[in-house]
Amino acid sequence: METTEVRVILKDSPDKKLKAYATVTFDNVFVVRDIKVIEGSTGLFIAMPSRKVKHSCPKCAFKNELRSKYCNQCGAPLPVETNLQRGEEASSSQAEHKDIAHPITQSFRENLQKKVLEAYAQEKAKVQTVSTLG
């Protein structure tokens, strides 16, 4: 599988950890949007697009965010056991999100991260050049 295009949209606030969003096209036929470029304690890395984990209300079946105490639809208290079980499976904030799309192998993840971070560096350099000229 060939990475045929990487587009990067820089975020404005320099003091935040989220530095940019990337859109990656594979083989000119498949696209993945909202890959995040994040500044971590050991440097830049990518985070794949994700969604918040939700669980159903036993009374009305409305999907509520993980760790909610009451249903946002009917107001019924949500079972504590459900919150504890899901919270214990992975207690970090990362467990509150589930990747929508992600690499299966470590080598592909490293290759994808390298290409996205290279595109990020190029876009950042381009913006800095334009701002110094203007």
N, C-alpha and C. Protein backbone atom coordinates (compact mmCIF):
# COMPACT_ATOMS: atom_id res chain seq x y z
N MET A 1 0.85 -1.17 0.00
CA MET A 1 0.00 0.00 0.00
C MET A 1 0.89 1.24 0.00
N GLU A 2 0.59 2.14 -0.90
CA GLU A 2 1.39 3.35 -1.04
C GLU A 2 0.65 4.56 -0.48
N THR A 3 1.35 5.39 0.26
CA THR A 3 0.80 6.65 0.73
C THR A 3 0.98 7.64 -0.40
N THR A 4 -0.13 8.06 -1.02
CA THR A 4 -0.04 8.89 -2.21
C THR A 4 -0.17 10.38 -1.92
N GLU A 5 -0.73 10.75 -0.78
CA GLU A 5 -0.84 12.17 -0.43
C GLU A 5 -0.98 12.33 1.07
N VAL A 6 -0.31 13.35 1.60
CA VAL A 6 -0.46 13.73 3.01
C VAL A 6 -0.69 15.23 3.04
N ARG A 7 -1.84 15.64 3.55
CA ARG A 7 -2.14 17.07 3.71
C ARG A 7 -2.20 17.38 5.20
N VAL A 8 -1.62 18.52 5.58
CA VAL A 8 -1.55 18.91 7.00
C VAL A 8 -2.18 20.28 7.18
N ILE A 9 -3.01 20.39 8.22
CA ILE A 9 -3.61 21.67 8.60
C ILE A 9 -3.09 22.01 9.98
N LEU A 10 -2.28 23.06 10.05
CA LEU A 10 -1.69 23.47 11.32
C LEU A 10 -2.74 24.11 12.23
N LYS A 11 -2.58 23.93 13.52
CA LYS A 11 -3.45 24.59 14.50
C LYS A 11 -2.73 25.85 14.97
N ASP A 12 -3.50 26.90 15.29
CA ASP A 12 -2.93 28.21 15.58
C ASP A 12 -2.23 28.34 16.92
N SER A 13 -2.77 27.74 17.97
CA SER A 13 -2.24 27.99 19.31
C SER A 13 -0.96 27.21 19.57
N PRO A 14 0.18 27.91 19.70
CA PRO A 14 1.47 27.23 19.86
C PRO A 14 1.66 26.59 21.24
N ASP A 15 0.89 27.00 22.25
CA ASP A 15 1.08 26.47 23.60
C ASP A 15 0.29 25.19 23.86
N LYS A 16 -0.54 24.77 22.92
CA LYS A 16 -1.35 23.57 23.08
C LYS A 16 -0.58 22.34 22.58
N LYS A 17 -1.00 21.16 23.06
CA LYS A 17 -0.34 19.92 22.64
C LYS A 17 -0.74 19.50 21.23
N LEU A 18 -1.97 19.80 20.82
CA LEU A 18 -2.41 19.48 19.46
C LEU A 18 -1.80 20.48 18.49
N LYS A 19 -0.95 19.99 17.60
CA LYS A 19 -0.22 20.87 16.68
C LYS A 19 -0.86 20.94 15.30
N ALA A 20 -1.49 19.85 14.85
CA ALA A 20 -2.05 19.84 13.50
C ALA A 20 -2.98 18.65 13.31
N TYR A 21 -3.75 18.72 12.21
CA TYR A 21 -4.54 17.60 11.74
C TYR A 21 -3.99 17.20 10.37
N ALA A 22 -4.02 15.90 10.08
CA ALA A 22 -3.54 15.43 8.78
C ALA A 22 -4.62 14.59 8.10
N THR A 23 -4.59 14.64 6.78
CA THR A 23 -5.43 13.79 5.94
C THR A 23 -4.48 13.00 5.05
N VAL A 24 -4.62 11.67 5.08
CA VAL A 24 -3.70 10.81 4.33
C VAL A 24 -4.49 9.99 3.32
N THR A 25 -3.99 9.99 2.08
CA THR A 25 -4.61 9.21 1.00
C THR A 25 -3.70 8.03 0.68
N PHE A 26 -4.31 6.85 0.52
CA PHE A 26 -3.58 5.63 0.20
C PHE A 26 -3.99 5.16 -1.19
N ASP A 27 -3.01 4.86 -2.03
CA ASP A 27 -3.22 4.32 -3.37
C ASP A 27 -4.22 5.13 -4.20
N ASN A 28 -4.32 6.40 -3.93
CA ASN A 28 -5.27 7.29 -4.63
C ASN A 28 -6.72 6.83 -4.57
N VAL A 29 -7.04 5.93 -3.61
CA VAL A 29 -8.41 5.41 -3.55
C VAL A 29 -9.02 5.39 -2.14
N PHE A 30 -8.22 5.61 -1.11
CA PHE A 30 -8.74 5.53 0.26
C PHE A 30 -8.14 6.65 1.09
N VAL A 31 -8.99 7.36 1.85
CA VAL A 31 -8.51 8.50 2.63
C VAL A 31 -8.86 8.32 4.11
N VAL A 32 -7.94 8.77 4.96
CA VAL A 32 -8.17 8.81 6.41
C VAL A 32 -7.97 10.24 6.86
N ARG A 33 -9.02 10.82 7.43
CA ARG A 33 -8.99 12.21 7.90
C ARG A 33 -8.82 12.26 9.41
N ASP A 34 -8.47 13.43 9.90
CA ASP A 34 -8.40 13.73 11.34
C ASP A 34 -7.35 12.94 12.10
N ILE A 35 -6.22 12.66 11.45
CA ILE A 35 -5.08 12.12 12.18
C ILE A 35 -4.45 13.32 12.89
N LYS A 36 -4.25 13.21 14.19
CA LYS A 36 -3.74 14.34 14.97
C LYS A 36 -2.23 14.27 15.11
N VAL A 37 -1.58 15.43 15.03
CA VAL A 37 -0.16 15.55 15.34
C VAL A 37 -0.11 16.18 16.72
N ILE A 38 0.48 15.47 17.66
CA ILE A 38 0.48 15.88 19.07
C ILE A 38 1.90 16.00 19.58
N GLU A 39 2.13 17.04 20.41
CA GLU A 39 3.42 17.24 21.08
C GLU A 39 3.36 16.51 22.41
N GLY A 40 4.12 15.42 22.53
CA GLY A 40 4.17 14.66 23.78
C GLY A 40 5.42 15.00 24.56
N SER A 41 5.61 14.34 25.67
CA SER A 41 6.77 14.61 26.52
C SER A 41 8.08 14.19 25.86
N THR A 42 8.00 13.25 24.90
CA THR A 42 9.22 12.80 24.21
C THR A 42 9.28 13.27 22.76
N GLY A 43 8.40 14.17 22.37
CA GLY A 43 8.41 14.70 21.01
C GLY A 43 7.08 14.53 20.32
N LEU A 44 7.08 14.76 19.01
CA LEU A 44 5.85 14.68 18.22
C LEU A 44 5.47 13.23 17.94
N PHE A 45 4.16 12.97 17.90
CA PHE A 45 3.65 11.67 17.50
C PHE A 45 2.28 11.88 16.88
N ILE A 46 1.76 10.82 16.22
CA ILE A 46 0.43 10.93 15.63
C ILE A 46 -0.56 10.12 16.46
N ALA A 47 -1.81 10.58 16.45
CA ALA A 47 -2.91 9.86 17.08
C ALA A 47 -3.98 9.66 16.01
N MET A 48 -4.45 8.46 15.90
CA MET A 48 -5.42 8.12 14.86
C MET A 48 -6.80 8.70 15.21
N PRO A 49 -7.67 8.87 14.20
CA PRO A 49 -9.01 9.39 14.48
C PRO A 49 -9.74 8.45 15.43
N SER A 50 -10.49 9.03 16.36
CA SER A 50 -11.17 8.21 17.36
C SER A 50 -12.53 8.80 17.70
N ARG A 51 -13.30 8.01 18.45
CA ARG A 51 -14.60 8.48 18.94
C ARG A 51 -14.71 8.11 20.41
N LYS A 52 -15.56 8.83 21.13
CA LYS A 52 -15.75 8.54 22.54
C LYS A 52 -16.53 7.24 22.71
N VAL A 53 -16.12 6.44 23.71
CA VAL A 53 -16.81 5.19 24.02
C VAL A 53 -18.11 5.55 24.73
N LYS A 54 -19.19 4.89 24.35
CA LYS A 54 -20.50 5.14 24.96
C LYS A 54 -21.12 3.84 25.41
N HIS A 55 -22.05 3.93 26.37
CA HIS A 55 -22.81 2.76 26.80
C HIS A 55 -24.28 3.13 26.90
N SER A 56 -25.15 2.12 26.75
CA SER A 56 -26.59 2.35 26.67
C SER A 56 -27.23 2.44 28.05
N CYS A 57 -28.24 3.29 28.14
CA CYS A 57 -29.07 3.39 29.34
C CYS A 57 -29.97 2.16 29.39
N PRO A 58 -30.05 1.47 30.53
CA PRO A 58 -30.90 0.29 30.61
C PRO A 58 -32.40 0.62 30.50
N LYS A 59 -32.76 1.86 30.77
CA LYS A 59 -34.17 2.25 30.73
C LYS A 59 -34.63 2.65 29.32
N CYS A 60 -33.85 3.52 28.65
CA CYS A 60 -34.30 4.05 27.36
C CYS A 60 -33.37 3.70 26.19
N ALA A 61 -32.24 3.08 26.46
CA ALA A 61 -31.25 2.65 25.46
C ALA A 61 -30.48 3.80 24.81
N PHE A 62 -30.58 5.00 25.38
CA PHE A 62 -29.81 6.14 24.86
C PHE A 62 -28.33 5.90 25.12
N LYS A 63 -27.49 6.25 24.14
CA LYS A 63 -26.04 6.07 24.29
C LYS A 63 -25.46 7.24 25.08
N ASN A 64 -24.88 6.94 26.24
CA ASN A 64 -24.27 7.95 27.10
C ASN A 64 -22.77 7.76 27.12
N GLU A 65 -22.04 8.86 27.37
CA GLU A 65 -20.58 8.77 27.46
C GLU A 65 -20.17 7.93 28.66
N LEU A 66 -19.04 7.31 28.52
CA LEU A 66 -18.47 6.51 29.59
C LEU A 66 -18.32 7.36 30.84
N ARG A 67 -18.57 6.79 31.98
CA ARG A 67 -18.47 7.44 33.30
C ARG A 67 -19.62 8.39 33.62
N SER A 68 -20.66 8.43 32.77
CA SER A 68 -21.83 9.24 33.09
C SER A 68 -22.58 8.59 34.24
N LYS A 69 -23.09 9.41 35.15
CA LYS A 69 -23.83 8.88 36.29
C LYS A 69 -25.32 8.80 36.00
N TYR A 70 -25.80 9.69 35.13
CA TYR A 70 -27.22 9.74 34.78
C TYR A 70 -27.37 9.79 33.28
N CYS A 71 -28.48 9.25 32.79
CA CYS A 71 -28.77 9.25 31.36
C CYS A 71 -29.07 10.66 30.89
N ASN A 72 -28.47 11.06 29.78
CA ASN A 72 -28.71 12.38 29.22
C ASN A 72 -30.06 12.50 28.52
N GLN A 73 -30.73 11.37 28.27
CA GLN A 73 -32.03 11.38 27.60
C GLN A 73 -33.17 11.36 28.61
N CYS A 74 -33.17 10.35 29.51
CA CYS A 74 -34.31 10.18 30.42
C CYS A 74 -33.99 10.55 31.87
N GLY A 75 -32.73 10.78 32.19
CA GLY A 75 -32.35 11.18 33.54
C GLY A 75 -32.22 10.03 34.53
N ALA A 76 -32.43 8.81 34.10
CA ALA A 76 -32.34 7.67 35.00
C ALA A 76 -30.89 7.45 35.43
N PRO A 77 -30.68 7.03 36.68
CA PRO A 77 -29.31 6.72 37.10
C PRO A 77 -28.76 5.53 36.31
N LEU A 78 -27.52 5.64 35.92
CA LEU A 78 -26.88 4.56 35.18
C LEU A 78 -26.22 3.61 36.17
N PRO A 79 -26.20 2.32 35.85
CA PRO A 79 -25.62 1.33 36.77
C PRO A 79 -24.13 1.61 37.05
N VAL A 80 -23.77 1.58 38.30
CA VAL A 80 -22.38 1.83 38.69
C VAL A 80 -21.48 0.71 38.20
N GLU A 81 -21.99 -0.52 38.18
CA GLU A 81 -21.18 -1.66 37.74
C GLU A 81 -20.69 -1.46 36.32
N THR A 82 -21.52 -0.95 35.43
CA THR A 82 -21.13 -0.73 34.04
C THR A 82 -19.99 0.26 33.98
N ASN A 83 -20.12 1.35 34.73
CA ASN A 83 -19.07 2.37 34.73
C ASN A 83 -17.77 1.80 35.29
N LEU A 84 -17.86 1.02 36.37
CA LEU A 84 -16.65 0.47 36.98
C LEU A 84 -15.99 -0.55 36.07
N GLN A 85 -16.79 -1.44 35.49
CA GLN A 85 -16.21 -2.47 34.63
C GLN A 85 -15.47 -1.84 33.47
N ARG A 86 -16.10 -0.90 32.83
CA ARG A 86 -15.47 -0.27 31.67
C ARG A 86 -14.31 0.60 32.09
N GLY A 87 -14.42 1.26 33.22
CA GLY A 87 -13.34 2.10 33.72
C GLY A 87 -12.14 1.28 34.13
N GLU A 88 -12.37 0.07 34.66
CA GLU A 88 -11.26 -0.76 35.12
C GLU A 88 -10.54 -1.43 33.96
N GLU A 89 -11.25 -1.68 32.86
CA GLU A 89 -10.61 -2.32 31.71
C GLU A 89 -9.41 -1.52 31.25
N ALA A 90 -9.55 -0.22 31.23
CA ALA A 90 -8.45 0.67 30.89
C ALA A 90 -8.75 2.00 31.56
N SER A 91 -8.03 2.28 32.62
CA SER A 91 -8.38 3.42 33.45
C SER A 91 -7.89 4.76 32.90
N SER A 92 -7.06 4.76 31.89
CA SER A 92 -6.54 6.02 31.36
C SER A 92 -7.59 6.73 30.53
N SER A 93 -7.35 8.02 30.26
CA SER A 93 -8.28 8.78 29.44
C SER A 93 -8.31 8.24 28.02
N GLN A 94 -7.25 7.58 27.59
CA GLN A 94 -7.22 6.99 26.25
C GLN A 94 -8.30 5.92 26.11
N ALA A 95 -8.64 5.23 27.21
CA ALA A 95 -9.66 4.19 27.16
C ALA A 95 -11.05 4.77 26.92
N GLU A 96 -11.21 6.06 27.11
CA GLU A 96 -12.48 6.71 26.86
C GLU A 96 -12.70 6.92 25.36
N HIS A 97 -11.69 6.69 24.56
CA HIS A 97 -11.78 6.84 23.12
C HIS A 97 -11.38 5.54 22.44
N LYS A 98 -12.00 5.29 21.31
CA LYS A 98 -11.69 4.09 20.53
C LYS A 98 -11.32 4.53 19.12
N ASP A 99 -10.20 4.03 18.61
CA ASP A 99 -9.76 4.39 17.27
C ASP A 99 -10.79 3.95 16.23
N ILE A 100 -11.04 4.82 15.26
CA ILE A 100 -11.94 4.50 14.16
C ILE A 100 -11.17 3.73 13.09
N ALA A 101 -9.95 4.15 12.84
CA ALA A 101 -9.06 3.49 11.87
C ALA A 101 -7.67 3.51 12.48
N HIS A 102 -6.92 2.43 12.30
CA HIS A 102 -5.56 2.39 12.85
C HIS A 102 -4.72 1.34 12.15
N PRO A 103 -3.39 1.55 12.17
CA PRO A 103 -2.48 0.56 11.57
C PRO A 103 -2.50 -0.73 12.37
N ILE A 104 -2.35 -1.84 11.69
CA ILE A 104 -2.31 -3.14 12.35
C ILE A 104 -0.88 -3.48 12.78
N THR A 105 0.10 -3.16 11.93
CA THR A 105 1.48 -3.53 12.25
C THR A 105 2.28 -2.31 12.73
N GLN A 106 3.27 -2.58 13.54
CA GLN A 106 4.14 -1.53 14.05
C GLN A 106 4.93 -0.87 12.91
N SER A 107 5.36 -1.66 11.93
CA SER A 107 6.14 -1.09 10.83
C SER A 107 5.29 -0.11 10.01
N PHE A 108 4.01 -0.44 9.78
CA PHE A 108 3.16 0.49 9.04
C PHE A 108 2.90 1.74 9.85
N ARG A 109 2.68 1.58 11.18
CA ARG A 109 2.47 2.75 12.05
C ARG A 109 3.69 3.68 11.99
N GLU A 110 4.88 3.11 12.08
CA GLU A 110 6.10 3.92 12.04
C GLU A 110 6.24 4.63 10.70
N ASN A 111 5.94 3.93 9.60
CA ASN A 111 6.01 4.51 8.26
C ASN A 111 5.00 5.66 8.13
N LEU A 112 3.78 5.43 8.59
CA LEU A 112 2.74 6.46 8.52
C LEU A 112 3.13 7.68 9.36
N GLN A 113 3.61 7.42 10.57
CA GLN A 113 4.02 8.52 11.44
C GLN A 113 5.15 9.33 10.81
N LYS A 114 6.11 8.65 10.23
CA LYS A 114 7.24 9.33 9.57
C LYS A 114 6.74 10.25 8.46
N LYS A 115 5.84 9.75 7.61
CA LYS A 115 5.34 10.55 6.50
C LYS A 115 4.50 11.74 6.97
N VAL A 116 3.67 11.53 7.98
CA VAL A 116 2.84 12.63 8.50
C VAL A 116 3.72 13.68 9.16
N LEU A 117 4.69 13.26 9.95
CA LEU A 117 5.56 14.23 10.63
C LEU A 117 6.45 14.98 9.64
N GLU A 118 6.87 14.32 8.55
CA GLU A 118 7.63 15.02 7.50
C GLU A 118 6.76 16.09 6.84
N ALA A 119 5.51 15.75 6.54
CA ALA A 119 4.59 16.72 5.94
C ALA A 119 4.30 17.86 6.91
N TYR A 120 4.20 17.55 8.18
CA TYR A 120 3.98 18.58 9.21
C TYR A 120 5.17 19.55 9.24
N ALA A 121 6.39 19.02 9.22
CA ALA A 121 7.59 19.86 9.24
C ALA A 121 7.65 20.76 8.01
N GLN A 122 7.30 20.20 6.84
CA GLN A 122 7.29 20.99 5.60
C GLN A 122 6.25 22.10 5.67
N GLU A 123 5.07 21.80 6.15
CA GLU A 123 4.00 22.80 6.24
C GLU A 123 4.37 23.89 7.24
N LYS A 124 4.96 23.51 8.34
CA LYS A 124 5.39 24.47 9.36
C LYS A 124 6.47 25.39 8.81
N ALA A 125 7.43 24.82 8.07
CA ALA A 125 8.50 25.62 7.47
C ALA A 125 7.93 26.58 6.43
N LYS A 126 6.97 26.12 5.65
CA LYS A 126 6.34 26.96 4.63
C LYS A 126 5.63 28.16 5.27
N VAL A 127 4.91 27.91 6.35
CA VAL A 127 4.19 29.00 7.05
C VAL A 127 5.19 29.99 7.67
N GLN A 128 6.28 29.48 8.24
CA GLN A 128 7.28 30.37 8.84
C GLN A 128 7.96 31.22 7.77
N THR A 129 8.20 30.65 6.60
CA THR A 129 8.82 31.41 5.50
C THR A 129 7.89 32.52 5.03
N VAL A 130 6.61 32.21 4.90
CA VAL A 130 5.63 33.20 4.46
C VAL A 130 5.50 34.32 5.50
N SER A 131 5.51 33.95 6.80
CA SER A 131 5.35 34.99 7.84
C SER A 131 6.58 35.89 7.95
N THR A 132 7.76 35.39 7.64
CA THR A 132 8.96 36.23 7.68
C THR A 132 9.04 37.16 6.47
N LEU A 133 8.46 36.70 5.35
CA LEU A 133 8.45 37.54 4.14
C LEU A 133 7.40 38.66 4.23
N GLY A 134 6.30 38.36 4.92
CA GLY A 134 5.17 39.30 4.94
C GLY A 134 5.23 40.24 6.04
